Amino acid sequence: ESLKKAGVVEVTLLGQNVNSYGNDRPDYPSFAELLRMVGELGIPRVRFLTSHPVNFTEEIVRAIAETPAVTRYIHLPVQSGSDRVLRRMAREYRRADYLKRIEVIRDHLPDAVLSTDIIVGFPGETEEDFEATLSLYDEVGFDHAFMFIYSARPGTPAAEHFEDLPREVKVERLKRLIEKQKEWSLKKNRAWVGREVEVLIRGDAKETGFAEGHDRGNHPVLVPGDQAPQPGLYRVRITEASPHLLFGEVTEVLYRPAREEAVA
């Protein structure tokens, strides 16, 4: 309520496993209930991250679909597409479990923007394991991914019990995964060209002459700076796309806060 009164137009519910909120406290609302509660406060945009596949239930998906303020951006880390690697990582789900979550999301939120985390080169990862990750990427069609090379951490089970892969193998696999990500991100971003989206402009972009912000799918969006001279919510028609950015033209000013108000 205080944030709403201060003029905040977007809040992020943040946690390492945010969707497990309330699981160990019967007197607390579930995470799905929390989303509905926050979404009813009147703040225009509510986001959350990061989610764990095990706790990502259909109840949460329904809450997103039925609460207009909650954005349609879902970050759901998978780490690997190989069951063998997932077992070594001590992850509590398998490939089929993850894909079932994606199916539920697509059923209720066909316009959802999906991103993930992937680790390449986990100890013992074979070429077949890595190919399973690439095939899962194609099966889901992620809009974006955060990709990392495994690096050993002293004292962890992976470092103590499994032999690390040569760095050149890990780097080569990361390059292939990045190419996969660029291919899918460009395809997904181009689908937004010609559409209008709501963009929260934060200020000047590092690119000269542009203002930057993000839409309700968490896409970075650039618009001409003179069209969005101050932070706020703008309606933007997307005119161009790259694998990592959307470019557009402002068609409507939706909200500009008073100077004493916050934006996010």
C-alpha atoms as a PDB file:
ATOM      1  CA  GLU A   1       0.000   0.000   0.000  1.00  0.00           C
ATOM      2  CA  SER A   2       2.853   2.380   0.829  1.00  0.00           C
ATOM      3  CA  LEU A   3       4.533   1.665  -2.494  1.00  0.00           C
ATOM      4  CA  LYS A   4       1.284   2.330  -4.339  1.00  0.00           C
ATOM      5  CA  LYS A   5       0.868   5.668  -2.567  1.00  0.00           C
ATOM      6  CA  ALA A   6       4.463   6.554  -3.474  1.00  0.00           C
ATOM      7  CA  GLY A   7       3.645   6.121  -7.166  1.00  0.00           C
ATOM      8  CA  VAL A   8       5.489   2.851  -7.720  1.00  0.00           C
ATOM      9  CA  VAL A   9       4.202   1.183 -10.908  1.00  0.00           C
ATOM     10  CA  GLU A  10       6.115  -2.098 -10.745  1.00  0.00           C
ATOM     11  CA  VAL A  11       7.142  -4.385  -7.890  1.00  0.00           C
ATOM     12  CA  THR A  12       9.168  -7.600  -7.998  1.00  0.00           C
ATOM     13  CA  LEU A  13       8.598 -10.442  -5.555  1.00  0.00           C
ATOM     14  CA  LEU A  14      12.106 -11.806  -5.169  1.00  0.00           C
ATOM     15  CA  GLY A  15      13.432 -15.034  -3.749  1.00  0.00           C
ATOM     16  CA  GLN A  16      15.886 -17.818  -4.524  1.00  0.00           C
ATOM     17  CA  ASN A  17      12.843 -20.100  -4.722  1.00  0.00           C
ATOM     18  CA  VAL A  18      10.084 -17.527  -4.558  1.00  0.00           C
ATOM     19  CA  ASN A  19       7.250 -19.890  -5.443  1.00  0.00           C
ATOM     20  CA  SER A  20       7.858 -21.955  -2.307  1.00  0.00           C
ATOM     21  CA  TYR A  21       6.599 -19.000  -0.258  1.00  0.00           C
ATOM     22  CA  GLY A  22       4.283 -20.181   2.492  1.00  0.00           C
ATOM     23  CA  ASN A  23       5.040 -23.883   2.027  1.00  0.00           C
ATOM     24  CA  ASP A  24       6.494 -24.207   5.528  1.00  0.00           C
ATOM     25  CA  ARG A  25       4.095 -21.763   7.187  1.00  0.00           C
ATOM     26  CA  PRO A  26       0.466 -22.909   7.231  1.00  0.00           C
ATOM     27  CA  ASP A  27      -0.541 -19.484   8.599  1.00  0.00           C
ATOM     28  CA  TYR A  28       0.880 -17.797   5.479  1.00  0.00           C
ATOM     29  CA  PRO A  29      -0.882 -17.579   2.115  1.00  0.00           C
ATOM     30  CA  SER A  30       0.432 -19.779  -0.681  1.00  0.00           C
ATOM     31  CA  PHE A  31       2.490 -18.091  -3.377  1.00  0.00           C
ATOM     32  CA  ALA A  32      -0.474 -18.216  -5.755  1.00  0.00           C
ATOM     33  CA  GLU A  33      -2.610 -16.497  -3.136  1.00  0.00           C
ATOM     34  CA  LEU A  34       0.133 -13.937  -2.548  1.00  0.00           C
ATOM     35  CA  LEU A  35       0.242 -13.114  -6.263  1.00  0.00           C
ATOM     36  CA  ARG A  36      -3.504 -12.500  -6.261  1.00  0.00           C
ATOM     37  CA  MET A  37      -3.294 -10.360  -3.112  1.00  0.00           C
ATOM     38  CA  VAL A  38      -0.481  -8.147  -4.398  1.00  0.00           C
ATOM     39  CA  GLY A  39      -2.090  -7.986  -7.828  1.00  0.00           C
ATOM     40  CA  GLU A  40      -5.254  -6.537  -6.298  1.00  0.00           C
ATOM     41  CA  LEU A  41      -3.478  -3.631  -4.567  1.00  0.00           C
ATOM     42  CA  GLY A  42      -3.628  -1.414  -7.632  1.00  0.00           C
ATOM     43  CA  ILE A  43       0.073  -1.407  -8.572  1.00  0.00           C
ATOM     44  CA  PRO A  44       0.041  -1.758 -12.384  1.00  0.00           C
ATOM     45  CA  ARG A  45       2.758  -4.390 -12.742  1.00  0.00           C
ATOM     46  CA  VAL A  46       3.797  -7.262 -10.476  1.00  0.00           C
ATOM     47  CA  ARG A  47       6.740  -9.527 -11.371  1.00  0.00           C
ATOM     48  CA  PHE A  48       8.444 -12.386  -9.547  1.00  0.00           C
ATOM     49  CA  LEU A  49      11.617 -14.436  -9.702  1.00  0.00           C
ATOM     50  CA  THR A  50      13.205 -16.892  -9.385  1.00  0.00           C
ATOM     51  CA  SER A  51      10.975 -19.970  -9.553  1.00  0.00           C
ATOM     52  CA  HIS A  52      11.868 -23.610  -8.940  1.00  0.00           C
ATOM     53  CA  PRO A  53      10.284 -26.185 -11.285  1.00  0.00           C
ATOM     54  CA  VAL A  54       9.284 -28.496  -8.415  1.00  0.00           C
ATOM     55  CA  ASN A  55       7.141 -25.820  -6.759  1.00  0.00           C
ATOM     56  CA  PHE A  56       5.770 -24.272  -9.944  1.00  0.00           C
ATOM     57  CA  THR A  57       2.177 -25.480  -9.727  1.00  0.00           C
ATOM     58  CA  GLU A  58      -0.871 -25.088 -11.928  1.00  0.00           C
ATOM     59  CA  GLU A  59      -2.363 -23.004  -9.115  1.00  0.00           C
ATOM     60  CA  ILE A  60       0.393 -20.439  -9.661  1.00  0.00           C
ATOM     61  CA  VAL A  61      -0.165 -20.454 -13.421  1.00  0.00           C
ATOM     62  CA  ARG A  62      -3.894 -19.869 -12.904  1.00  0.00           C
ATOM     63  CA  ALA A  63      -3.154 -16.991 -10.545  1.00  0.00           C
ATOM     64  CA  ILE A  64      -0.975 -15.349 -13.201  1.00  0.00           C
ATOM     65  CA  ALA A  65      -3.610 -15.877 -15.895  1.00  0.00           C
ATOM     66  CA  GLU A  66      -6.427 -14.505 -13.730  1.00  0.00           C
ATOM     67  CA  THR A  67      -4.572 -11.505 -12.253  1.00  0.00           C
ATOM     68  CA  PRO A  68      -4.057  -8.797 -14.897  1.00  0.00           C
ATOM     69  CA  ALA A  69      -1.403  -6.935 -12.901  1.00  0.00           C
ATOM     70  CA  VAL A  70       0.924  -9.969 -12.851  1.00  0.00           C
ATOM     71  CA  THR A  71       3.203  -9.880 -15.871  1.00  0.00           C
ATOM     72  CA  ARG A  72       3.437 -12.810 -18.271  1.00  0.00           C
ATOM     73  CA  TYR A  73       7.171 -13.281 -17.818  1.00  0.00           C
ATOM     74  CA  ILE A  74       8.255 -16.568 -16.240  1.00  0.00           C
ATOM     75  CA  HIS A  75      11.849 -17.423 -15.432  1.00  0.00           C
ATOM     76  CA  LEU A  76      12.038 -21.171 -14.808  1.00  0.00           C
ATOM     77  CA  PRO A  77      15.612 -22.545 -14.542  1.00  0.00           C
ATOM     78  CA  VAL A  78      16.114 -25.993 -16.062  1.00  0.00           C
ATOM     79  CA  GLN A  79      19.952 -26.240 -15.815  1.00  0.00           C
ATOM     80  CA  SER A  80      20.163 -29.240 -18.174  1.00  0.00           C
ATOM     81  CA  GLY A  81      18.002 -31.249 -20.549  1.00  0.00           C
ATOM     82  CA  SER A  82      19.638 -34.524 -19.541  1.00  0.00           C
ATOM     83  CA  ASP A  83      18.156 -36.637 -16.736  1.00  0.00           C
ATOM     84  CA  ARG A  84      21.601 -38.082 -16.079  1.00  0.00           C
ATOM     85  CA  VAL A  85      23.064 -34.617 -15.490  1.00  0.00           C
ATOM     86  CA  LEU A  86      20.060 -33.500 -13.453  1.00  0.00           C
ATOM     87  CA  ARG A  87      20.598 -36.467 -11.124  1.00  0.00           C
ATOM     88  CA  ARG A  88      24.258 -35.527 -10.707  1.00  0.00           C
ATOM     89  CA  MET A  89      23.196 -31.965  -9.953  1.00  0.00           C
ATOM     90  CA  ALA A  90      20.832 -33.346  -7.285  1.00  0.00           C
ATOM     91  CA  ARG A  91      17.940 -31.548  -8.948  1.00  0.00           C
ATOM     92  CA  GLU A  92      14.555 -32.786  -7.726  1.00  0.00           C
ATOM     93  CA  TYR A  93      12.921 -33.030 -11.145  1.00  0.00           C
ATOM     94  CA  ARG A  94      13.568 -34.676 -14.499  1.00  0.00           C
ATOM     95  CA  ARG A  95      13.192 -33.544 -18.091  1.00  0.00           C
ATOM     96  CA  ALA A  96       9.632 -34.872 -18.385  1.00  0.00           C
ATOM     97  CA  ASP A  97       8.620 -33.086 -15.160  1.00  0.00           C
ATOM     98  CA  TYR A  98       9.952 -29.801 -16.476  1.00  0.00           C
ATOM     99  CA  LEU A  99       8.197 -30.178 -19.819  1.00  0.00           C
ATOM    100  CA  LYS A 100       4.913 -30.866 -18.022  1.00  0.00           C
ATOM    101  CA  ARG A 101       5.264 -27.480 -16.287  1.00  0.00           C
ATOM    102  CA  ILE A 102       5.878 -25.837 -19.657  1.00  0.00           C
ATOM    103  CA  GLU A 103       2.795 -27.533 -21.090  1.00  0.00           C
ATOM    104  CA  VAL A 104       0.643 -26.182 -18.256  1.00  0.00           C
ATOM    105  CA  ILE A 105       2.061 -22.686 -18.799  1.00  0.00           C
ATOM    106  CA  ARG A 106       1.362 -22.822 -22.547  1.00  0.00           C
ATOM    107  CA  ASP A 107      -2.185 -24.099 -21.919  1.00  0.00           C
ATOM    108  CA  HIS A 108      -3.099 -21.202 -19.617  1.00  0.00           C
ATOM    109  CA  LEU A 109      -0.702 -18.503 -20.831  1.00  0.00           C
ATOM    110  CA  PRO A 110      -0.032 -18.943 -24.546  1.00  0.00           C
ATOM    111  CA  ASP A 111       1.547 -15.476 -24.678  1.00  0.00           C
ATOM    112  CA  ALA A 112       3.922 -16.090 -21.746  1.00  0.00           C
ATOM    113  CA  VAL A 113       7.558 -15.116 -22.206  1.00  0.00           C
ATOM    114  CA  LEU A 114       9.839 -17.890 -20.939  1.00  0.00           C
ATOM    115  CA  SER A 115      13.454 -17.683 -19.872  1.00  0.00           C
ATOM    116  CA  THR A 116      15.713 -20.181 -18.136  1.00  0.00           C
ATOM    117  CA  ASP A 117      19.154 -20.887 -16.663  1.00  0.00           C
ATOM    118  CA  ILE A 118      21.440 -23.507 -18.204  1.00  0.00           C
ATOM    119  CA  ILE A 119      24.808 -24.828 -17.018  1.00  0.00           C
ATOM    120  CA  VAL A 120      27.052 -26.456 -19.611  1.00  0.00           C
ATOM    121  CA  GLY A 121      30.014 -28.697 -18.911  1.00  0.00           C
ATOM    122  CA  PHE A 122      28.839 -30.128 -15.596  1.00  0.00           C
ATOM    123  CA  PRO A 123      31.265 -32.890 -14.531  1.00  0.00           C
ATOM    124  CA  GLY A 124      30.622 -36.036 -16.527  1.00  0.00           C
ATOM    125  CA  GLU A 125      28.412 -34.324 -19.109  1.00  0.00           C
ATOM    126  CA  THR A 126      28.715 -36.277 -22.355  1.00  0.00           C
ATOM    127  CA  GLU A 127      28.038 -35.060 -25.865  1.00  0.00           C
ATOM    128  CA  GLU A 128      24.758 -36.985 -25.691  1.00  0.00           C
ATOM    129  CA  ASP A 129      23.847 -35.159 -22.473  1.00  0.00           C
ATOM    130  CA  PHE A 130      24.591 -31.817 -24.077  1.00  0.00           C
ATOM    131  CA  GLU A 131      22.562 -32.706 -27.170  1.00  0.00           C
ATOM    132  CA  ALA A 132      19.657 -33.421 -24.823  1.00  0.00           C
ATOM    133  CA  THR A 133      19.940 -29.861 -23.549  1.00  0.00           C
ATOM    134  CA  LEU A 134      19.907 -28.488 -27.102  1.00  0.00           C
ATOM    135  CA  SER A 135      16.864 -30.590 -27.978  1.00  0.00           C
ATOM    136  CA  LEU A 136      15.021 -29.400 -24.874  1.00  0.00           C
ATOM    137  CA  TYR A 137      15.765 -25.809 -25.875  1.00  0.00           C
ATOM    138  CA  ASP A 138      14.142 -26.497 -29.246  1.00  0.00           C
ATOM    139  CA  GLU A 139      11.187 -28.276 -27.656  1.00  0.00           C
ATOM    140  CA  VAL A 140      10.424 -25.390 -25.302  1.00  0.00           C
ATOM    141  CA  GLY A 141      11.500 -22.533 -27.572  1.00  0.00           C
ATOM    142  CA  PHE A 142      12.753 -20.249 -24.814  1.00  0.00           C
ATOM    143  CA  ASP A 143      12.589 -16.516 -25.422  1.00  0.00           C
ATOM    144  CA  HIS A 144      15.860 -16.044 -23.578  1.00  0.00           C
ATOM    145  CA  ALA A 145      18.384 -17.945 -21.487  1.00  0.00           C
ATOM    146  CA  PHE A 146      21.105 -17.195 -18.968  1.00  0.00           C
ATOM    147  CA  MET A 147      23.921 -19.589 -19.796  1.00  0.00           C
ATOM    148  CA  PHE A 148      26.934 -20.495 -17.702  1.00  0.00           C
ATOM    149  CA  ILE A 149      30.009 -22.696 -17.848  1.00  0.00           C
ATOM    150  CA  TYR A 150      30.341 -24.987 -14.857  1.00  0.00           C
ATOM    151  CA  SER A 151      33.193 -24.026 -12.576  1.00  0.00           C
ATOM    152  CA  ALA A 152      34.185 -26.165  -9.612  1.00  0.00           C
ATOM    153  CA  ARG A 153      33.468 -24.893  -6.112  1.00  0.00           C
ATOM    154  CA  PRO A 154      35.651 -26.449  -3.403  1.00  0.00           C
ATOM    155  CA  GLY A 155      33.696 -28.490  -0.888  1.00  0.00           C
ATOM    156  CA  THR A 156      30.718 -29.188  -3.122  1.00  0.00           C
ATOM    157  CA  PRO A 157      29.787 -32.808  -3.970  1.00  0.00           C
ATOM    158  CA  ALA A 158      30.306 -32.143  -7.685  1.00  0.00           C
ATOM    159  CA  ALA A 159      33.860 -30.925  -7.129  1.00  0.00           C
ATOM    160  CA  GLU A 160      34.735 -33.740  -4.724  1.00  0.00           C
ATOM    161  CA  HIS A 161      33.181 -36.730  -6.490  1.00  0.00           C
ATOM    162  CA  PHE A 162      33.224 -35.980 -10.229  1.00  0.00           C
ATOM    163  CA  GLU A 163      36.045 -35.190 -12.610  1.00  0.00           C
ATOM    164  CA  ASP A 164      35.801 -31.789 -14.286  1.00  0.00           C
ATOM    165  CA  LEU A 165      35.681 -31.512 -18.076  1.00  0.00           C
ATOM    166  CA  PRO A 166      38.442 -29.833 -20.097  1.00  0.00           C
ATOM    167  CA  ARG A 167      37.779 -26.116 -20.415  1.00  0.00           C
ATOM    168  CA  GLU A 168      37.955 -26.218 -24.203  1.00  0.00           C
ATOM    169  CA  VAL A 169      35.057 -28.711 -24.252  1.00  0.00           C
ATOM    170  CA  LYS A 170      32.956 -26.502 -21.994  1.00  0.00           C
ATOM    171  CA  VAL A 171      33.692 -23.369 -24.018  1.00  0.00           C
ATOM    172  CA  GLU A 172      32.831 -25.084 -27.295  1.00  0.00           C
ATOM    173  CA  ARG A 173      29.507 -26.291 -25.904  1.00  0.00           C
ATOM    174  CA  LEU A 174      28.683 -22.855 -24.522  1.00  0.00           C
ATOM    175  CA  LYS A 175      29.283 -21.313 -27.949  1.00  0.00           C
ATOM    176  CA  ARG A 176      26.870 -23.786 -29.538  1.00  0.00           C
ATOM    177  CA  LEU A 177      24.267 -23.090 -26.890  1.00  0.00           C
ATOM    178  CA  ILE A 178      24.629 -19.334 -27.377  1.00  0.00           C
ATOM    179  CA  GLU A 179      24.031 -19.766 -31.093  1.00  0.00           C
ATOM    180  CA  LYS A 180      20.896 -21.769 -30.279  1.00  0.00           C
ATOM    181  CA  GLN A 181      19.734 -19.027 -27.919  1.00  0.00           C
ATOM    182  CA  LYS A 182      20.324 -16.281 -30.500  1.00  0.00           C
ATOM    183  CA  GLU A 183      18.384 -18.223 -33.109  1.00  0.00           C
ATOM    184  CA  TRP A 184      15.356 -18.658 -30.858  1.00  0.00           C
ATOM    185  CA  SER A 185      15.513 -15.176 -29.320  1.00  0.00           C
ATOM    186  CA  LEU A 186      15.551 -13.538 -32.751  1.00  0.00           C
ATOM    187  CA  LYS A 187      12.620 -15.673 -33.901  1.00  0.00           C
ATOM    188  CA  LYS A 188      10.620 -14.881 -30.770  1.00  0.00           C
ATOM    189  CA  ASN A 189      11.477 -11.162 -30.803  1.00  0.00           C
ATOM    190  CA  ARG A 190      10.583 -10.738 -34.469  1.00  0.00           C
ATOM    191  CA  ALA A 191       7.099 -12.007 -33.653  1.00  0.00           C
ATOM    192  CA  TRP A 192       6.577  -8.787 -31.666  1.00  0.00           C
ATOM    193  CA  VAL A 193       7.253  -6.485 -34.619  1.00  0.00           C
ATOM    194  CA  GLY A 194       4.084  -4.589 -35.504  1.00  0.00           C
ATOM    195  CA  ARG A 195       2.496  -5.183 -32.104  1.00  0.00           C
ATOM    196  CA  GLU A 196       1.935  -2.628 -29.354  1.00  0.00           C
ATOM    197  CA  VAL A 197       3.266  -3.239 -25.858  1.00  0.00           C
ATOM    198  CA  GLU A 198       3.309  -1.431 -22.542  1.00  0.00           C
ATOM    199  CA  VAL A 199       6.846  -0.307 -21.687  1.00  0.00           C
ATOM    200  CA  LEU A 200       8.172   0.971 -18.371  1.00  0.00           C
ATOM    201  CA  ILE A 201      10.794   3.536 -19.388  1.00  0.00           C
ATOM    202  CA  ARG A 202      13.508   4.028 -16.798  1.00  0.00           C
ATOM    203  CA  GLY A 203      15.705   6.632 -18.443  1.00  0.00           C
ATOM    204  CA  ASP A 204      18.405   7.183 -21.037  1.00  0.00           C
ATOM    205  CA  ALA A 205      19.882   4.145 -22.768  1.00  0.00           C
ATOM    206  CA  LYS A 206      23.595   3.665 -23.301  1.00  0.00           C
ATOM    207  CA  GLU A 207      22.792   3.916 -27.006  1.00  0.00           C
ATOM    208  CA  THR A 208      22.884   7.635 -27.817  1.00  0.00           C
ATOM    209  CA  GLY A 209      19.528   9.198 -28.522  1.00  0.00           C
ATOM    210  CA  PHE A 210      17.422   6.421 -27.012  1.00  0.00           C
ATOM    211  CA  ALA A 211      15.492   5.831 -23.813  1.00  0.00           C
ATOM    212  CA  GLU A 212      15.333   2.308 -22.416  1.00  0.00           C
ATOM    213  CA  GLY A 213      12.800   0.257 -20.559  1.00  0.00           C
ATOM    214  CA  HIS A 214      11.160  -3.164 -20.507  1.00  0.00           C
ATOM    215  CA  ASP A 215       7.748  -4.467 -21.468  1.00  0.00           C
ATOM    216  CA  ARG A 216       5.479  -6.821 -19.532  1.00  0.00           C
ATOM    217  CA  GLY A 217       7.403  -9.776 -20.995  1.00  0.00           C
ATOM    218  CA  ASN A 218      10.680  -8.344 -19.645  1.00  0.00           C
ATOM    219  CA  HIS A 219      11.999  -7.611 -23.146  1.00  0.00           C
ATOM    220  CA  PRO A 220      14.454  -4.701 -23.185  1.00  0.00           C
ATOM    221  CA  VAL A 221      12.896  -1.991 -25.369  1.00  0.00           C
ATOM    222  CA  LEU A 222      14.528   1.120 -26.861  1.00  0.00           C
ATOM    223  CA  VAL A 223      12.565   4.138 -28.082  1.00  0.00           C
ATOM    224  CA  PRO A 224      13.714   7.547 -29.353  1.00  0.00           C
ATOM    225  CA  GLY A 225      14.681   9.623 -26.347  1.00  0.00           C
ATOM    226  CA  ASP A 226      12.599  12.615 -27.363  1.00  0.00           C
ATOM    227  CA  GLN A 227       9.478  10.422 -27.338  1.00  0.00           C
ATOM    228  CA  ALA A 228       9.994   9.387 -23.718  1.00  0.00           C
ATOM    229  CA  PRO A 229      11.758  12.313 -22.039  1.00  0.00           C
ATOM    230  CA  GLN A 230      11.051  11.077 -18.513  1.00  0.00           C
ATOM    231  CA  PRO A 231      10.412   7.745 -16.762  1.00  0.00           C
ATOM    232  CA  GLY A 232       6.918   6.310 -16.906  1.00  0.00           C
ATOM    233  CA  LEU A 233       4.613   3.883 -18.673  1.00  0.00           C
ATOM    234  CA  TYR A 234       4.295   4.228 -22.451  1.00  0.00           C
ATOM    235  CA  ARG A 235       2.443   2.426 -25.191  1.00  0.00           C
ATOM    236  CA  VAL A 236       5.018   1.435 -27.820  1.00  0.00           C
ATOM    237  CA  ARG A 237       4.649  -0.040 -31.297  1.00  0.00           C
ATOM    238  CA  ILE A 238       7.526  -2.422 -31.977  1.00  0.00           C
ATOM    239  CA  THR A 239       9.234  -1.678 -35.289  1.00  0.00           C
ATOM    240  CA  GLU A 240      12.420  -3.747 -35.190  1.00  0.00           C
ATOM    241  CA  ALA A 241      13.946  -6.661 -33.310  1.00  0.00           C
ATOM    242  CA  SER A 242      17.340  -8.183 -32.641  1.00  0.00           C
ATOM    243  CA  PRO A 243      18.127 -11.279 -30.556  1.00  0.00           C
ATOM    244  CA  HIS A 244      18.495  -9.135 -27.442  1.00  0.00           C
ATOM    245  CA  LEU A 245      16.503  -5.924 -28.021  1.00  0.00           C
ATOM    246  CA  LEU A 246      13.195  -4.592 -29.278  1.00  0.00           C
ATOM    247  CA  PHE A 247      12.995  -1.156 -30.887  1.00  0.00           C
ATOM    248  CA  GLY A 248       9.839   0.885 -31.129  1.00  0.00           C
ATOM    249  CA  GLU A 249       7.954   4.162 -31.422  1.00  0.00           C
ATOM    250  CA  VAL A 250       5.854   5.659 -28.640  1.00  0.00           C
ATOM    251  CA  THR A 251       2.160   5.800 -29.536  1.00  0.00           C
ATOM    252  CA  GLU A 252       0.720   6.859 -26.179  1.00  0.00           C
ATOM    253  CA  VAL A 253       1.812   8.126 -22.787  1.00  0.00           C
ATOM    254  CA  LEU A 254       0.082   5.953 -20.201  1.00  0.00           C
ATOM    255  CA  TYR A 255       1.540   7.313 -16.972  1.00  0.00           C
ATOM    256  CA  ARG A 256       4.199   9.779 -15.909  1.00  0.00           C
ATOM    257  CA  PRO A 257       4.795  10.153 -12.185  1.00  0.00           C
ATOM    258  CA  ALA A 258       5.018  13.482 -10.443  1.00  0.00           C
ATOM    259  CA  ARG A 259       8.619  14.359  -9.651  1.00  0.00           C
ATOM    260  CA  GLU A 260       8.253  13.391  -6.010  1.00  0.00           C
ATOM    261  CA  GLU A 261       6.901   9.961  -6.955  1.00  0.00           C
ATOM    262  CA  ALA A 262       8.910   6.815  -7.655  1.00  0.00           C
ATOM    263  CA  VAL A 263       8.596   4.744 -10.831  1.00  0.00           C
ATOM    264  CA  ALA A 264       9.753   1.336  -9.623  1.00  0.00           C
END
